[in-house]
Amino acid sequence: QVQLVESGGGLVQPGGSLRLSCAASGIYLSNYAVGWYRQAPEKQREIVARITSSGGTSYVDSVKGRFTISRDNAKTTVYLQMNSLSVEDTGVYYCNSDQRLPWGQGTQVTVSS
């Protein structure tokens, strides 16, 4: 059974940083493209960053230059380094492979002073 587990969220002040982790069981995640998705309060879930199996990356405009997605294939883990966080980055963050896998619980990121 495939399971995704996101971690690393928390409460941070504007301008701060967080590093999110996405671990998977039941699937060899390094074989797949993986995206980080954000669901802000009262908004639809949106993808913010994606990394292909070969390491190619893409970002939504609002996070370009601030977020970095990476993967550690040996540990089947995908990371999202988030810098210069703003209030608009608040939300629950999920990882998935093109929305084809069961969603995990997500990890809450709250940016507030």
Protein backbone atom coordinates (compact mmCIF):
# COMPACT_ATOMS: atom_id res chain seq x y z
CA GLN A 1 0.00 0.00 0.00
CA VAL A 2 1.39 3.36 -1.04
CA GLN A 3 1.68 5.96 1.67
CA LEU A 4 3.06 9.48 1.50
CA VAL A 5 4.20 11.24 4.65
CA GLU A 6 4.94 14.94 4.70
CA SER A 7 6.83 16.60 7.54
CA GLY A 8 8.76 19.71 8.46
CA GLY A 9 6.01 22.28 8.64
CA GLY A 10 5.52 24.73 11.46
CA LEU A 11 5.03 28.32 12.48
CA VAL A 12 7.56 30.77 11.12
CA GLN A 13 7.83 34.53 10.92
CA PRO A 14 7.77 36.32 7.58
CA GLY A 15 11.20 36.10 6.00
CA GLY A 16 11.94 32.80 7.68
CA SER A 17 12.72 29.40 6.24
CA LEU A 18 11.44 25.86 6.48
CA ARG A 19 12.44 22.58 4.90
CA LEU A 20 9.70 20.12 4.12
CA SER A 21 10.26 16.40 3.56
CA CYS A 22 8.20 13.89 1.64
CA ALA A 23 8.79 10.22 2.36
CA ALA A 24 7.06 7.32 0.70
CA SER A 25 6.41 3.71 1.50
CA GLY A 26 5.14 1.08 -0.86
CA ILE A 27 6.63 2.82 -3.87
CA TYR A 28 10.09 3.65 -5.11
CA LEU A 29 9.61 7.39 -5.32
CA SER A 30 12.82 8.05 -7.21
CA ASN A 31 11.23 6.53 -10.33
CA TYR A 32 8.55 9.19 -10.47
CA ALA A 33 8.10 12.90 -10.89
CA VAL A 34 7.04 14.40 -7.59
CA GLY A 35 5.33 17.66 -6.90
CA TRP A 36 4.73 19.76 -3.81
CA TYR A 37 1.21 21.11 -3.56
CA ARG A 38 -0.15 23.85 -1.36
CA GLN A 39 -3.70 24.32 -0.14
CA ALA A 40 -4.21 27.74 1.35
CA PRO A 41 -7.25 28.44 3.52
CA GLU A 42 -10.41 28.52 1.41
CA LYS A 43 -8.46 27.98 -1.79
CA GLN A 44 -7.97 25.05 -4.09
CA ARG A 45 -4.88 22.93 -3.90
CA GLU A 46 -2.19 24.10 -6.32
CA ILE A 47 1.16 22.72 -7.33
CA VAL A 48 4.08 24.93 -6.36
CA ALA A 49 7.09 22.88 -7.38
CA ARG A 50 7.82 19.69 -9.30
CA ILE A 51 10.87 17.55 -9.86
CA THR A 52 11.18 14.88 -12.52
CA SER A 53 12.77 11.49 -12.03
CA SER A 54 15.89 12.83 -13.77
CA GLY A 55 16.05 15.93 -11.58
CA GLY A 56 14.47 18.58 -13.77
CA THR A 57 12.60 21.18 -11.74
CA SER A 58 9.79 23.65 -12.29
CA TYR A 59 8.08 26.18 -10.04
CA VAL A 60 5.00 28.31 -9.97
CA ASP A 61 5.90 31.97 -10.46
CA SER A 62 5.01 32.97 -6.92
CA VAL A 63 7.74 30.79 -5.41
CA LYS A 64 10.49 31.07 -8.02
CA GLY A 65 13.76 32.15 -6.46
CA ARG A 66 12.52 31.33 -2.96
CA PHE A 67 11.67 27.61 -2.99
CA THR A 68 13.93 24.78 -4.07
CA ILE A 69 12.74 21.24 -4.66
CA SER A 70 15.25 18.41 -4.49
CA ARG A 71 15.35 14.70 -4.00
CA ASP A 72 17.51 12.15 -2.29
CA ASN A 73 16.99 9.06 -4.34
CA ALA A 74 18.87 6.86 -1.93
CA LYS A 75 16.30 7.63 0.76
CA THR A 76 13.28 7.94 -1.51
CA THR A 77 12.71 11.40 -0.09
CA VAL A 78 11.79 14.66 -1.77
CA TYR A 79 12.46 17.99 -0.09
CA LEU A 80 11.15 21.50 -0.41
CA GLN A 81 13.43 24.21 0.91
CA MET A 82 11.36 27.34 1.47
CA ASN A 83 13.12 30.65 2.05
CA SER A 84 11.89 34.22 2.39
CA LEU A 85 8.50 32.95 3.45
CA SER A 86 5.55 35.31 3.33
CA VAL A 87 2.07 35.21 4.78
CA GLU A 88 0.80 34.14 1.36
CA ASP A 89 2.76 30.89 1.69
CA THR A 90 0.55 29.75 4.56
CA GLY A 91 -1.27 26.52 3.93
CA VAL A 92 -1.11 22.77 4.12
CA TYR A 93 1.62 21.31 1.95
CA TYR A 94 1.31 17.92 0.30
CA CYS A 95 3.49 15.88 -1.99
CA ASN A 96 2.28 13.59 -4.75
CA SER A 97 3.27 12.14 -8.07
CA ASP A 98 1.10 14.04 -10.56
CA GLN A 99 -1.86 13.45 -8.21
CA ARG A 100 -1.87 9.73 -9.00
CA LEU A 101 -1.09 8.52 -5.49
CA PRO A 102 -3.21 8.55 -2.32
CA TRP A 103 -2.83 11.90 -0.62
CA GLY A 104 -1.01 12.04 2.68
CA GLN A 105 -2.01 14.13 5.67
CA GLY A 106 0.09 17.06 4.60
CA THR A 107 2.14 19.35 6.80
CA GLN A 108 0.90 22.72 8.00
CA VAL A 109 2.96 25.80 7.24
CA THR A 110 1.92 28.98 8.97
CA VAL A 111 3.73 32.23 8.28
CA SER A 112 2.79 34.86 10.77
CA SER A 113 4.34 37.57 12.87
